[in-house]
C-alpha atoms as a PDB file:
ATOM      1  CA  MET A   1      83.713 140.995 159.115  1.00  0.00           C
ATOM      2  CA  GLY A   2      83.545 142.447 155.459  1.00  0.00           C
ATOM      3  CA  ASN A   3      82.579 145.877 153.746  1.00  0.00           C
ATOM      4  CA  HIS A   4      78.940 146.493 153.832  1.00  0.00           C
ATOM      5  CA  PHE A   5      77.126 149.149 151.621  1.00  0.00           C
ATOM      6  CA  ARG A   6      73.692 150.302 153.541  1.00  0.00           C
ATOM      7  CA  PHE A   7      71.132 151.195 151.218  1.00  0.00           C
ATOM      8  CA  GLY A   8      68.566 154.023 152.170  1.00  0.00           C
ATOM      9  CA  PRO A   9      64.872 154.348 150.198  1.00  0.00           C
ATOM     10  CA  ALA A  10      66.777 156.921 148.026  1.00  0.00           C
ATOM     11  CA  ASP A  11      69.855 154.924 147.060  1.00  0.00           C
ATOM     12  CA  LEU A  12      67.825 151.801 145.557  1.00  0.00           C
ATOM     13  CA  LEU A  13      66.689 154.517 142.971  1.00  0.00           C
ATOM     14  CA  ARG A  14      70.196 155.613 142.287  1.00  0.00           C
ATOM     15  CA  CYS A  15      72.308 152.271 141.477  1.00  0.00           C
ATOM     16  CA  ARG A  16      73.962 152.894 137.990  1.00  0.00           C
ATOM     17  CA  PHE A  17      76.533 151.050 136.044  1.00  0.00           C
ATOM     18  CA  GLY A  18      79.489 152.866 134.633  1.00  0.00           C
ATOM     19  CA  ILE A  19      82.785 152.038 132.521  1.00  0.00           C
ATOM     20  CA  SER A  20      86.185 153.486 133.498  1.00  0.00           C
ATOM     21  CA  PRO A  21      89.316 153.090 131.043  1.00  0.00           C
ATOM     22  CA  ARG A  22      91.365 154.681 133.907  1.00  0.00           C
ATOM     23  CA  TRP A  23      90.039 152.157 136.180  1.00  0.00           C
ATOM     24  CA  GLU A  24      91.214 149.656 133.482  1.00  0.00           C
ATOM     25  CA  THR A  25      94.420 150.781 133.241  1.00  0.00           C
ATOM     26  CA  GLN A  26      95.029 150.703 136.856  1.00  0.00           C
ATOM     27  CA  GLU A  27      93.936 146.870 136.853  1.00  0.00           C
ATOM     28  CA  ALA A  28      95.998 146.345 134.045  1.00  0.00           C
ATOM     29  CA  VAL A  29      98.986 147.629 135.918  1.00  0.00           C
ATOM     30  CA  ARG A  30      97.949 145.359 138.763  1.00  0.00           C
ATOM     31  CA  VAL A  31      97.801 142.318 136.591  1.00  0.00           C
ATOM     32  CA  LEU A  32     101.824 143.027 135.881  1.00  0.00           C
ATOM     33  CA  LEU A  33     102.471 142.961 139.692  1.00  0.00           C
ATOM     34  CA  ARG A  34      99.915 140.130 140.921  1.00  0.00           C
ATOM     35  CA  PRO A  35     100.519 136.715 138.990  1.00  0.00           C
ATOM     36  CA  HIS A  36      97.491 135.309 140.452  1.00  0.00           C
ATOM     37  CA  ARG A  37      95.529 137.783 138.103  1.00  0.00           C
ATOM     38  CA  GLN A  38      97.157 136.504 134.661  1.00  0.00           C
ATOM     39  CA  ALA A  39      95.722 133.185 134.359  1.00  0.00           C
ATOM     40  CA  TYR A  40      92.777 134.750 131.504  1.00  0.00           C
ATOM     41  CA  HIS A  41      95.062 137.315 130.275  1.00  0.00           C
ATOM     42  CA  LEU A  42      98.057 135.543 128.975  1.00  0.00           C
ATOM     43  CA  PRO A  43      97.681 136.514 125.190  1.00  0.00           C
ATOM     44  CA  TRP A  44      97.663 139.985 126.292  1.00  0.00           C
ATOM     45  CA  LEU A  45     100.740 139.714 128.330  1.00  0.00           C
ATOM     46  CA  ARG A  46     102.602 138.438 125.505  1.00  0.00           C
ATOM     47  CA  ARG A  47     101.119 141.115 123.128  1.00  0.00           C
ATOM     48  CA  ILE A  48     102.380 144.080 125.650  1.00  0.00           C
ATOM     49  CA  ARG A  49     105.516 142.224 126.937  1.00  0.00           C
ATOM     50  CA  ALA A  50     107.839 144.864 125.165  1.00  0.00           C
ATOM     51  CA  ALA A  51     105.963 147.867 125.915  1.00  0.00           C
ATOM     52  CA  ALA A  52     105.619 147.109 129.419  1.00  0.00           C
ATOM     53  CA  ALA A  53     109.219 146.783 129.527  1.00  0.00           C
ATOM     54  CA  GLY A  54     109.661 150.275 128.567  1.00  0.00           C
ATOM     55  CA  LEU A  55     107.630 151.645 131.358  1.00  0.00           C
ATOM     56  CA  ASP A  56     108.889 152.180 134.973  1.00  0.00           C
ATOM     57  CA  LEU A  57     105.850 151.464 136.789  1.00  0.00           C
ATOM     58  CA  ARG A  58     107.258 151.148 140.442  1.00  0.00           C
ATOM     59  CA  PRO A  59     105.618 154.506 141.526  1.00  0.00           C
ATOM     60  CA  LEU A  60     102.190 152.826 140.803  1.00  0.00           C
ATOM     61  CA  TRP A  61     103.021 149.611 142.442  1.00  0.00           C
ATOM     62  CA  LEU A  62     104.161 150.905 145.521  1.00  0.00           C
ATOM     63  CA  LEU A  63     100.589 152.268 145.785  1.00  0.00           C
ATOM     64  CA  MET A  64      98.933 149.209 145.372  1.00  0.00           C
ATOM     65  CA  PRO A  65      99.210 147.300 148.567  1.00  0.00           C
ATOM     66  CA  ARG A  66      98.059 143.747 149.126  1.00  0.00           C
ATOM     67  CA  LYS A  67      95.635 144.949 151.527  1.00  0.00           C
ATOM     68  CA  GLY A  68      94.580 148.610 152.506  1.00  0.00           C
ATOM     69  CA  HIS A  69      93.957 151.754 150.918  1.00  0.00           C
ATOM     70  CA  HIS A  70      94.628 152.616 147.069  1.00  0.00           C
ATOM     71  CA  PRO A  71      94.906 156.458 146.809  1.00  0.00           C
ATOM     72  CA  ASP A  72      91.068 157.451 145.796  1.00  0.00           C
ATOM     73  CA  LEU A  73      93.031 160.668 143.953  1.00  0.00           C
ATOM     74  CA  LEU A  74      94.295 158.303 141.473  1.00  0.00           C
ATOM     75  CA  SER A  75      91.042 156.545 140.916  1.00  0.00           C
ATOM     76  CA  PRO A  76      88.141 159.045 141.026  1.00  0.00           C
ATOM     77  CA  PRO A  77      84.849 157.068 140.114  1.00  0.00           C
ATOM     78  CA  PRO A  78      83.532 157.948 136.614  1.00  0.00           C
ATOM     79  CA  LEU A  79      81.171 160.850 136.589  1.00  0.00           C
ATOM     80  CA  GLY A  80      78.938 159.142 133.586  1.00  0.00           C
ATOM     81  CA  PRO A  81      78.502 156.150 131.888  1.00  0.00           C
ATOM     82  CA  SER A  82      80.914 156.642 129.017  1.00  0.00           C
ATOM     83  CA  VAL A  83      83.709 158.924 129.910  1.00  0.00           C
ATOM     84  CA  THR A  84      87.020 159.086 128.145  1.00  0.00           C
ATOM     85  CA  PHE A  85      90.105 158.587 129.603  1.00  0.00           C
ATOM     86  CA  GLU A  86      91.368 161.996 129.007  1.00  0.00           C
ATOM     87  CA  GLU A  87      88.234 163.289 131.089  1.00  0.00           C
ATOM     88  CA  GLU A  88      89.393 160.838 133.756  1.00  0.00           C
ATOM     89  CA  LEU A  89      93.173 161.543 133.520  1.00  0.00           C
ATOM     90  CA  ALA A  90      92.026 165.396 133.948  1.00  0.00           C
ATOM     91  CA  ARG A  91      90.508 164.717 137.481  1.00  0.00           C
ATOM     92  CA  VAL A  92      93.277 162.809 138.747  1.00  0.00           C
ATOM     93  CA  ARG A  93      95.600 165.760 137.583  1.00  0.00           C
ATOM     94  CA  ALA A  94      93.206 168.361 139.483  1.00  0.00           C
ATOM     95  CA  ALA A  95      94.533 166.478 142.868  1.00  0.00           C
ATOM     96  CA  ALA A  96      97.615 168.266 142.659  1.00  0.00           C
ATOM     97  CA  ASP A  97      95.469 171.687 143.347  1.00  0.00           C
ATOM     98  CA  ASP A  98      95.153 170.362 147.094  1.00  0.00           C
ATOM     99  CA  PRO A  99      98.676 168.987 148.434  1.00  0.00           C
ATOM    100  CA  GLY A 100      97.429 168.643 151.763  1.00  0.00           C
ATOM    101  CA  ALA A 101      94.515 165.884 150.845  1.00  0.00           C
ATOM    102  CA  ALA A 102      97.371 164.249 148.093  1.00  0.00           C
ATOM    103  CA  TYR A 103      99.792 164.232 150.791  1.00  0.00           C
ATOM    104  CA  GLU A 104      97.239 162.225 153.188  1.00  0.00           C
ATOM    105  CA  ASP A 105      95.715 159.821 150.748  1.00  0.00           C
ATOM    106  CA  LEU A 106      99.324 159.029 149.735  1.00  0.00           C
ATOM    107  CA  ARG A 107     100.449 158.582 153.163  1.00  0.00           C
ATOM    108  CA  ARG A 108      97.663 156.064 154.157  1.00  0.00           C
ATOM    109  CA  SER A 109      98.176 154.249 150.995  1.00  0.00           C
ATOM    110  CA  LEU A 110     101.748 153.886 151.674  1.00  0.00           C
ATOM    111  CA  ALA A 111     101.570 153.000 155.399  1.00  0.00           C
ATOM    112  CA  CYS A 112      99.588 149.707 154.238  1.00  0.00           C
ATOM    113  CA  THR A 113     103.018 148.282 152.511  1.00  0.00           C
ATOM    114  CA  PRO A 114     105.964 147.589 155.218  1.00  0.00           C
ATOM    115  CA  GLY A 115     108.855 150.063 154.462  1.00  0.00           C
ATOM    116  CA  ALA A 116     107.202 152.195 151.714  1.00  0.00           C
ATOM    117  CA  LEU A 117     106.988 155.225 153.946  1.00  0.00           C
ATOM    118  CA  GLU A 118     110.682 154.761 154.494  1.00  0.00           C
ATOM    119  CA  SER A 119     111.524 154.097 151.044  1.00  0.00           C
ATOM    120  CA  PRO A 120     113.358 156.433 148.818  1.00  0.00           C
ATOM    121  CA  LEU A 121     110.349 156.358 146.396  1.00  0.00           C
ATOM    122  CA  GLY A 122     108.011 157.104 149.430  1.00  0.00           C
ATOM    123  CA  ARG A 123     109.463 159.896 151.022  1.00  0.00           C
ATOM    124  CA  ARG A 124     109.910 161.756 147.515  1.00  0.00           C
ATOM    125  CA  MET A 125     106.502 161.525 146.927  1.00  0.00           C
ATOM    126  CA  LEU A 126     105.497 162.817 150.243  1.00  0.00           C
ATOM    127  CA  ALA A 127     107.816 165.544 150.439  1.00  0.00           C
ATOM    128  CA  ASP A 128     106.320 167.160 146.927  1.00  0.00           C
ATOM    129  CA  PRO A 129     102.933 165.417 146.906  1.00  0.00           C
ATOM    130  CA  ALA A 130     101.538 167.729 144.177  1.00  0.00           C
ATOM    131  CA  ARG A 131     104.645 167.174 142.248  1.00  0.00           C
ATOM    132  CA  ALA A 132     103.862 163.014 142.833  1.00  0.00           C
ATOM    133  CA  VAL A 133     100.098 163.784 141.804  1.00  0.00           C
ATOM    134  CA  THR A 134     101.408 164.970 138.449  1.00  0.00           C
ATOM    135  CA  GLU A 135     104.156 162.341 137.890  1.00  0.00           C
ATOM    136  CA  LEU A 136     101.716 159.355 138.543  1.00  0.00           C
ATOM    137  CA  ALA A 137      99.348 161.009 136.349  1.00  0.00           C
ATOM    138  CA  ASP A 138     101.850 160.974 133.350  1.00  0.00           C
ATOM    139  CA  LEU A 139     102.617 157.445 134.180  1.00  0.00           C
ATOM    140  CA  THR A 140      99.486 156.573 134.165  1.00  0.00           C
ATOM    141  CA  GLU A 141      98.857 158.007 130.770  1.00  0.00           C
ATOM    142  CA  ALA A 142     102.097 156.041 129.647  1.00  0.00           C
ATOM    143  CA  ALA A 143     100.637 153.081 130.609  1.00  0.00           C
ATOM    144  CA  TRP A 144      97.244 153.793 128.931  1.00  0.00           C
ATOM    145  CA  GLN A 145      98.721 154.360 125.519  1.00  0.00           C
ATOM    146  CA  ALA A 146     101.182 151.240 126.094  1.00  0.00           C
ATOM    147  CA  LEU A 147      99.024 148.682 127.941  1.00  0.00           C
ATOM    148  CA  VAL A 148      95.072 149.217 127.075  1.00  0.00           C
ATOM    149  CA  ALA A 149      94.682 151.965 124.592  1.00  0.00           C
ATOM    150  CA  PRO A 150      95.532 149.737 121.475  1.00  0.00           C
ATOM    151  CA  HIS A 151      93.045 146.984 122.950  1.00  0.00           C
ATOM    152  CA  TRP A 152      90.173 149.586 124.218  1.00  0.00           C
ATOM    153  CA  PRO A 153      87.571 148.721 121.466  1.00  0.00           C
ATOM    154  CA  ARG A 154      87.762 144.809 122.476  1.00  0.00           C
ATOM    155  CA  LEU A 155      87.813 145.896 126.276  1.00  0.00           C
ATOM    156  CA  ARG A 156      85.035 147.949 125.764  1.00  0.00           C
ATOM    157  CA  ALA A 157      82.751 145.901 123.697  1.00  0.00           C
ATOM    158  CA  LEU A 158      83.215 143.060 126.735  1.00  0.00           C
ATOM    159  CA  LEU A 159      82.398 145.685 129.557  1.00  0.00           C
ATOM    160  CA  GLU A 160      79.167 146.942 127.319  1.00  0.00           C
ATOM    161  CA  ALA A 161      78.008 143.451 126.909  1.00  0.00           C
ATOM    162  CA  ASP A 162      78.372 142.714 130.699  1.00  0.00           C
ATOM    163  CA  ILE A 163      76.519 145.944 131.364  1.00  0.00           C
ATOM    164  CA  LEU A 164      73.696 144.825 129.131  1.00  0.00           C
ATOM    165  CA  PHE A 165      73.436 141.201 130.342  1.00  0.00           C
ATOM    166  CA  HIS A 166      73.227 142.538 134.139  1.00  0.00           C
ATOM    167  CA  SER A 167      70.757 145.735 133.483  1.00  0.00           C
ATOM    168  CA  ARG A 168      68.517 142.924 132.179  1.00  0.00           C
ATOM    169  CA  ARG A 169      68.772 140.799 135.368  1.00  0.00           C
ATOM    170  CA  LEU A 170      68.180 143.987 137.061  1.00  0.00           C
ATOM    171  CA  ALA A 171      65.002 144.589 135.299  1.00  0.00           C
ATOM    172  CA  ALA A 172      63.825 141.064 135.717  1.00  0.00           C
ATOM    173  CA  GLY A 173      64.530 140.075 139.133  1.00  0.00           C
ATOM    174  CA  GLY A 174      65.389 143.469 141.165  1.00  0.00           C
ATOM    175  CA  LEU A 175      68.623 144.002 143.256  1.00  0.00           C
ATOM    176  CA  GLU A 176      68.416 140.813 144.577  1.00  0.00           C
ATOM    177  CA  ALA A 177      68.746 138.763 141.154  1.00  0.00           C
ATOM    178  CA  LEU A 178      71.386 141.572 139.748  1.00  0.00           C
ATOM    179  CA  PHE A 179      74.050 140.961 143.227  1.00  0.00           C
ATOM    180  CA  ASP A 180      73.379 137.363 143.024  1.00  0.00           C
ATOM    181  CA  GLY A 181      75.044 137.070 139.806  1.00  0.00           C
ATOM    182  CA  LEU A 182      78.133 139.662 140.239  1.00  0.00           C
ATOM    183  CA  HIS A 183      80.557 137.782 142.462  1.00  0.00           C
ATOM    184  CA  PRO A 184      80.621 134.629 144.599  1.00  0.00           C
ATOM    185  CA  ASP A 185      81.859 137.315 147.592  1.00  0.00           C
ATOM    186  CA  LEU A 186      78.626 139.361 147.533  1.00  0.00           C
ATOM    187  CA  ARG A 187      75.404 138.914 149.639  1.00  0.00           C
ATOM    188  CA  TRP A 188      72.575 141.028 149.407  1.00  0.00           C
ATOM    189  CA  HIS A 189      70.456 141.189 152.584  1.00  0.00           C
ATOM    190  CA  GLY A 190      67.146 142.426 151.562  1.00  0.00           C
ATOM    191  CA  ALA A 191      65.436 142.897 155.007  1.00  0.00           C
ATOM    192  CA  THR A 192      68.434 145.544 156.113  1.00  0.00           C
ATOM    193  CA  GLY A 193      69.018 146.799 152.483  1.00  0.00           C
ATOM    194  CA  THR A 194      72.559 145.653 152.983  1.00  0.00           C
ATOM    195  CA  LEU A 195      75.018 144.413 150.396  1.00  0.00           C
ATOM    196  CA  SER A 196      77.843 142.676 151.966  1.00  0.00           C
ATOM    197  CA  VAL A 197      81.471 141.610 150.462  1.00  0.00           C
ATOM    198  CA  GLU A 198      83.145 139.006 152.087  1.00  0.00           C
ATOM    199  CA  ARG A 199      86.363 140.448 153.559  1.00  0.00           C
ATOM    200  CA  PRO A 200      88.878 139.706 156.679  1.00  0.00           C
ATOM    201  CA  SER A 201      88.375 143.569 157.383  1.00  0.00           C
ATOM    202  CA  HIS A 202      85.616 145.880 158.454  1.00  0.00           C
ATOM    203  CA  HIS A 203      84.199 148.709 156.785  1.00  0.00           C
ATOM    204  CA  ASP A 204      80.775 149.864 156.930  1.00  0.00           C
ATOM    205  CA  ARG A 205      79.475 152.892 154.642  1.00  0.00           C
ATOM    206  CA  GLU A 206      75.929 154.664 154.552  1.00  0.00           C
ATOM    207  CA  LEU A 207      75.435 155.219 150.967  1.00  0.00           C
ATOM    208  CA  GLY A 208      73.467 158.292 152.294  1.00  0.00           C
ATOM    209  CA  GLY A 209      71.468 158.756 149.003  1.00  0.00           C
ATOM    210  CA  GLN A 210      74.367 158.936 146.731  1.00  0.00           C
ATOM    211  CA  GLY A 211      73.611 155.213 145.309  1.00  0.00           C
ATOM    212  CA  LEU A 212      75.881 152.872 144.173  1.00  0.00           C
ATOM    213  CA  LEU A 213      78.427 152.733 140.964  1.00  0.00           C
ATOM    214  CA  LEU A 214      78.717 149.469 139.582  1.00  0.00           C
ATOM    215  CA  MET A 215      81.430 148.913 137.054  1.00  0.00           C
ATOM    216  CA  PRO A 216      82.480 145.799 135.012  1.00  0.00           C
ATOM    217  CA  SER A 217      86.224 145.260 135.088  1.00  0.00           C
ATOM    218  CA  ALA A 218      87.959 142.825 132.731  1.00  0.00           C
ATOM    219  CA  PHE A 219      91.480 143.047 134.718  1.00  0.00           C
ATOM    220  CA  VAL A 220      90.248 142.920 138.284  1.00  0.00           C
ATOM    221  CA  TRP A 221      89.376 138.948 138.316  1.00  0.00           C
ATOM    222  CA  PRO A 222      89.153 137.142 140.570  1.00  0.00           C
ATOM    223  CA  GLU A 223      88.710 139.732 143.277  1.00  0.00           C
ATOM    224  CA  VAL A 224      85.695 142.225 143.624  1.00  0.00           C
ATOM    225  CA  ALA A 225      86.951 145.772 144.495  1.00  0.00           C
ATOM    226  CA  GLY A 226      85.479 149.019 145.531  1.00  0.00           C
ATOM    227  CA  GLY A 227      84.468 151.435 148.468  1.00  0.00           C
ATOM    228  CA  TYR A 228      85.729 155.001 148.514  1.00  0.00           C
ATOM    229  CA  ASP A 229      85.294 157.194 151.314  1.00  0.00           C
ATOM    230  CA  PRO A 230      83.460 160.346 151.443  1.00  0.00           C
ATOM    231  CA  PRO A 231      82.879 162.537 149.382  1.00  0.00           C
ATOM    232  CA  TRP A 232      83.474 159.980 146.628  1.00  0.00           C
ATOM    233  CA  GLN A 233      80.410 158.157 145.199  1.00  0.00           C
ATOM    234  CA  PRO A 234      80.585 154.355 146.634  1.00  0.00           C
ATOM    235  CA  THR A 235      81.532 151.979 143.788  1.00  0.00           C
ATOM    236  CA  LEU A 236      81.745 148.151 143.571  1.00  0.00           C
ATOM    237  CA  VAL A 237      84.336 146.774 140.643  1.00  0.00           C
ATOM    238  CA  TYR A 238      83.473 143.020 139.717  1.00  0.00           C
ATOM    239  CA  PRO A 239      84.879 140.853 136.917  1.00  0.00           C
ATOM    240  CA  ALA A 240      83.142 141.292 133.852  1.00  0.00           C
ATOM    241  CA  ARG A 241      81.399 138.406 132.293  1.00  0.00           C
ATOM    242  CA  GLY A 242      83.260 136.702 129.481  1.00  0.00           C
ATOM    243  CA  ILE A 243      86.870 137.339 130.032  1.00  0.00           C
ATOM    244  CA  GLY A 244      87.750 133.536 129.531  1.00  0.00           C
ATOM    245  CA  ALA A 245      87.249 134.275 125.611  1.00  0.00           C
ATOM    246  CA  LEU A 246      88.436 137.917 125.964  1.00  0.00           C
ATOM    247  CA  TRP A 247      91.766 137.470 124.052  1.00  0.00           C
ATOM    248  CA  THR A 248      90.698 134.507 121.792  1.00  0.00           C
ATOM    249  CA  ALA A 249      91.074 134.841 118.090  1.00  0.00           C
ATOM    250  CA  SER A 250      88.376 136.213 115.763  1.00  0.00           C
ATOM    251  CA  PRO A 251      85.479 133.831 114.915  1.00  0.00           C
ATOM    252  CA  GLY A 252      86.341 131.384 112.353  1.00  0.00           C
ATOM    253  CA  PRO A 253      84.744 131.342 109.114  1.00  0.00           C
ATOM    254  CA  ALA A 254      80.861 131.645 108.940  1.00  0.00           C
ATOM    255  CA  PRO A 255      78.984 128.254 108.319  1.00  0.00           C
ATOM    256  CA  ARG A 256      78.638 127.586 104.661  1.00  0.00           C
ATOM    257  CA  ALA A 257      74.744 127.445 104.267  1.00  0.00           C
ATOM    258  CA  LEU A 258      74.921 130.825 106.432  1.00  0.00           C
ATOM    259  CA  ALA A 259      77.094 132.326 104.044  1.00  0.00           C
ATOM    260  CA  GLY A 260      75.493 131.107 101.028  1.00  0.00           C
ATOM    261  CA  LEU A 261      72.160 133.155 102.347  1.00  0.00           C
ATOM    262  CA  LEU A 262      73.544 136.223 103.411  1.00  0.00           C
ATOM    263  CA  GLY A 263      76.837 136.401 101.620  1.00  0.00           C
ATOM    264  CA  ARG A 264      80.317 135.674 103.551  1.00  0.00           C
ATOM    265  CA  ALA A 265      81.014 138.891 105.276  1.00  0.00           C
ATOM    266  CA  ARG A 266      77.273 139.655 106.669  1.00  0.00           C
ATOM    267  CA  ALA A 267      77.319 135.984 107.867  1.00  0.00           C
ATOM    268  CA  GLU A 268      80.870 136.276 109.563  1.00  0.00           C
ATOM    269  CA  VAL A 269      80.013 140.002 110.987  1.00  0.00           C
ATOM    270  CA  LEU A 270      76.332 138.148 112.342  1.00  0.00           C
ATOM    271  CA  CYS A 271      78.390 135.062 113.900  1.00  0.00           C
ATOM    272  CA  ALA A 272      80.687 137.278 115.666  1.00  0.00           C
ATOM    273  CA  LEU A 273      77.705 138.838 117.551  1.00  0.00           C
ATOM    274  CA  ALA A 274      77.694 136.354 120.046  1.00  0.00           C
ATOM    275  CA  GLU A 275      77.328 139.093 122.763  1.00  0.00           C
ATOM    276  CA  PRO A 276      76.431 142.658 121.811  1.00  0.00           C
ATOM    277  CA  ALA A 277      79.082 144.883 120.317  1.00  0.00           C
ATOM    278  CA  SER A 278      79.250 148.321 118.966  1.00  0.00           C
ATOM    279  CA  THR A 279      80.279 149.152 114.942  1.00  0.00           C
ATOM    280  CA  THR A 280      83.844 150.120 116.400  1.00  0.00           C
ATOM    281  CA  ALA A 281      84.343 146.591 118.597  1.00  0.00           C
ATOM    282  CA  LEU A 282      83.216 144.784 115.832  1.00  0.00           C
ATOM    283  CA  ALA A 283      85.542 146.267 113.192  1.00  0.00           C
ATOM    284  CA  ALA A 284      88.522 145.613 115.592  1.00  0.00           C
ATOM    285  CA  ARG A 285      87.594 142.222 116.289  1.00  0.00           C
ATOM    286  CA  LEU A 286      87.201 141.423 112.644  1.00  0.00           C
ATOM    287  CA  GLY A 287      89.778 143.622 111.127  1.00  0.00           C
ATOM    288  CA  LEU A 288      87.496 145.661 108.555  1.00  0.00           C
ATOM    289  CA  ALA A 289      86.950 149.484 108.531  1.00  0.00           C
ATOM    290  CA  PRO A 290      84.072 150.752 110.766  1.00  0.00           C
ATOM    291  CA  SER A 291      82.254 151.706 107.715  1.00  0.00           C
ATOM    292  CA  THR A 292      82.173 148.250 106.071  1.00  0.00           C
ATOM    293  CA  VAL A 293      81.088 146.786 109.625  1.00  0.00           C
ATOM    294  CA  SER A 294      78.140 149.761 109.617  1.00  0.00           C
ATOM    295  CA  ALA A 295      77.045 149.013 106.374  1.00  0.00           C
ATOM    296  CA  HIS A 296      76.907 145.276 107.008  1.00  0.00           C
ATOM    297  CA  LEU A 297      74.912 145.914 110.448  1.00  0.00           C
ATOM    298  CA  SER A 298      72.627 148.320 108.635  1.00  0.00           C
ATOM    299  CA  ALA A 299      71.586 145.327 105.925  1.00  0.00           C
ATOM    300  CA  LEU A 300      71.088 143.061 108.714  1.00  0.00           C
ATOM    301  CA  ARG A 301      69.182 144.948 110.755  1.00  0.00           C
ATOM    302  CA  ALA A 302      66.660 145.798 107.945  1.00  0.00           C
ATOM    303  CA  ALA A 303      66.414 141.941 107.320  1.00  0.00           C
ATOM    304  CA  GLY A 304      65.380 141.701 111.009  1.00  0.00           C
ATOM    305  CA  LEU A 305      68.335 139.883 112.291  1.00  0.00           C
ATOM    306  CA  LEU A 306      69.796 142.756 114.661  1.00  0.00           C
ATOM    307  CA  ILE A 307      68.460 145.033 117.344  1.00  0.00           C
ATOM    308  CA  PRO A 308      70.184 148.277 118.195  1.00  0.00           C
ATOM    309  CA  SER A 309      70.043 149.632 121.497  1.00  0.00           C
ATOM    310  CA  ARG A 310      72.065 152.862 122.851  1.00  0.00           C
ATOM    311  CA  HIS A 311      73.830 152.921 125.786  1.00  0.00           C
ATOM    312  CA  GLY A 312      75.846 156.533 126.660  1.00  0.00           C
ATOM    313  CA  ARG A 313      77.570 157.373 123.420  1.00  0.00           C
ATOM    314  CA  GLN A 314      77.446 153.845 121.887  1.00  0.00           C
ATOM    315  CA  VAL A 315      74.913 151.759 120.081  1.00  0.00           C
ATOM    316  CA  LEU A 316      75.132 147.969 120.414  1.00  0.00           C
ATOM    317  CA  TYR A 317      73.860 145.367 117.978  1.00  0.00           C
ATOM    318  CA  GLU A 318      72.414 142.190 119.140  1.00  0.00           C
ATOM    319  CA  ARG A 319      71.012 139.206 117.564  1.00  0.00           C
ATOM    320  CA  THR A 320      67.193 138.475 117.140  1.00  0.00           C
ATOM    321  CA  PRO A 321      65.723 135.364 117.862  1.00  0.00           C
ATOM    322  CA  LEU A 322      65.995 134.260 114.330  1.00  0.00           C
ATOM    323  CA  ALA A 323      69.315 135.346 113.782  1.00  0.00           C
ATOM    324  CA  ILE A 324      70.397 133.094 116.706  1.00  0.00           C
ATOM    325  CA  ALA A 325      68.495 130.244 115.139  1.00  0.00           C
ATOM    326  CA  LEU A 326      70.534 130.750 112.029  1.00  0.00           C
ATOM    327  CA  THR A 327      74.024 131.183 113.412  1.00  0.00           C
ATOM    328  CA  THR A 328      73.493 128.287 115.865  1.00  0.00           C
ATOM    329  CA  GLY A 329      71.399 125.617 113.892  1.00  0.00           C
ATOM    330  CA  GLY A 330      68.316 125.971 116.589  1.00  0.00           C
ATOM    331  CA  SER A 331      64.925 127.131 115.941  1.00  0.00           C
ATOM    332  CA  PRO A 332      63.655 130.644 116.599  1.00  0.00           C
END
C-alpha cells in the first residue's frame, strides 16, 4: 500500500524545489478545518481570527475531503521557483475555459465526502462548473489577502531557508540523504528508483521524465501530500523545517558585547539570521524599513560576516562561521 513515485534515469536529473503562495493559502484554509494541524499555528490563528470570521470558506472546505481527491484545478504545481500568487491564481482561473474537465475534477472530489455530491452547494458547483471555478478562485484570492498575504514575508523566509538546507543535503548525499530528512512517511528505494509515501491507499505514478517537484509548506504539518495525475508534474509537499518557531516574537536584544562591537542595530540583524533570510523577510521580522536592513546587510557582508546566495528572485543572507561564533559565543 502507499503512493509510489517511480523514477527513470531522466527523472533523477529533473528534481527541483518550488514555493507556492497559492498552495500555502489552500493549506491555511485547511488548517482552519482540521484542528490536528493547529498546534504550531496558535499565534497565527489568534491574529487572523477576525479576518477569517469574515470569510465563507465552506465551498473550499467541501472540496477538501479527509481522504481522496483534492481538485487539481485549484492547486496546479508552480511553474517556477518563485512564482507570485497572482501568476498562480491566473492558472486557476484558466480552468474555467474547459468546463468539462472542471466538472469531472470537481465531481471526483465531491464524491470523496459523503453527501457532498447531493448537497445544495455541490449540486450548484456541478450545474455550472465554469462559474464554480471563478467563484472558487475569487474565494481563494480573498483567503490569500486575509489569512496569508500579511504574513507572507515571514512564511517565505521559512520556506526559502528550508530549501537551502535540503539543497545542501542533496548536494552532500544525493537523493537518499534528501528523502531521508524530509518526512518520516517517506522511503527511498534506491535499487528500484522508487520513492514511497506511506498511505492506506495505493497509487503508482511513473514520473516519465518530468522529475519530481518538492515543495516545503508551513501549513501541511504533520502530513505529507502530493501526487497529481497527468498531465500535471508529479509533486510532493512536505512540512518545512522550523515551524515550531515560525510565529515566535522577534529575537531579543543582541548580546551587549556584540552590540558594542558592531552597533546594536547591526548586531540584532546578525542575531536574527539564525536561518538564511532575505532583506524583506528580515525587515518584517525586525520591524525595520527594508532600506535600513539592506544597509546593515551590506556592512555585515563587507566585514566578512555574511554570505549572500541567489534563489530565484530572492537573495538570501546567511552567517559565516565567524558570525556564528560571535552570535553564539563559540569559536569559528
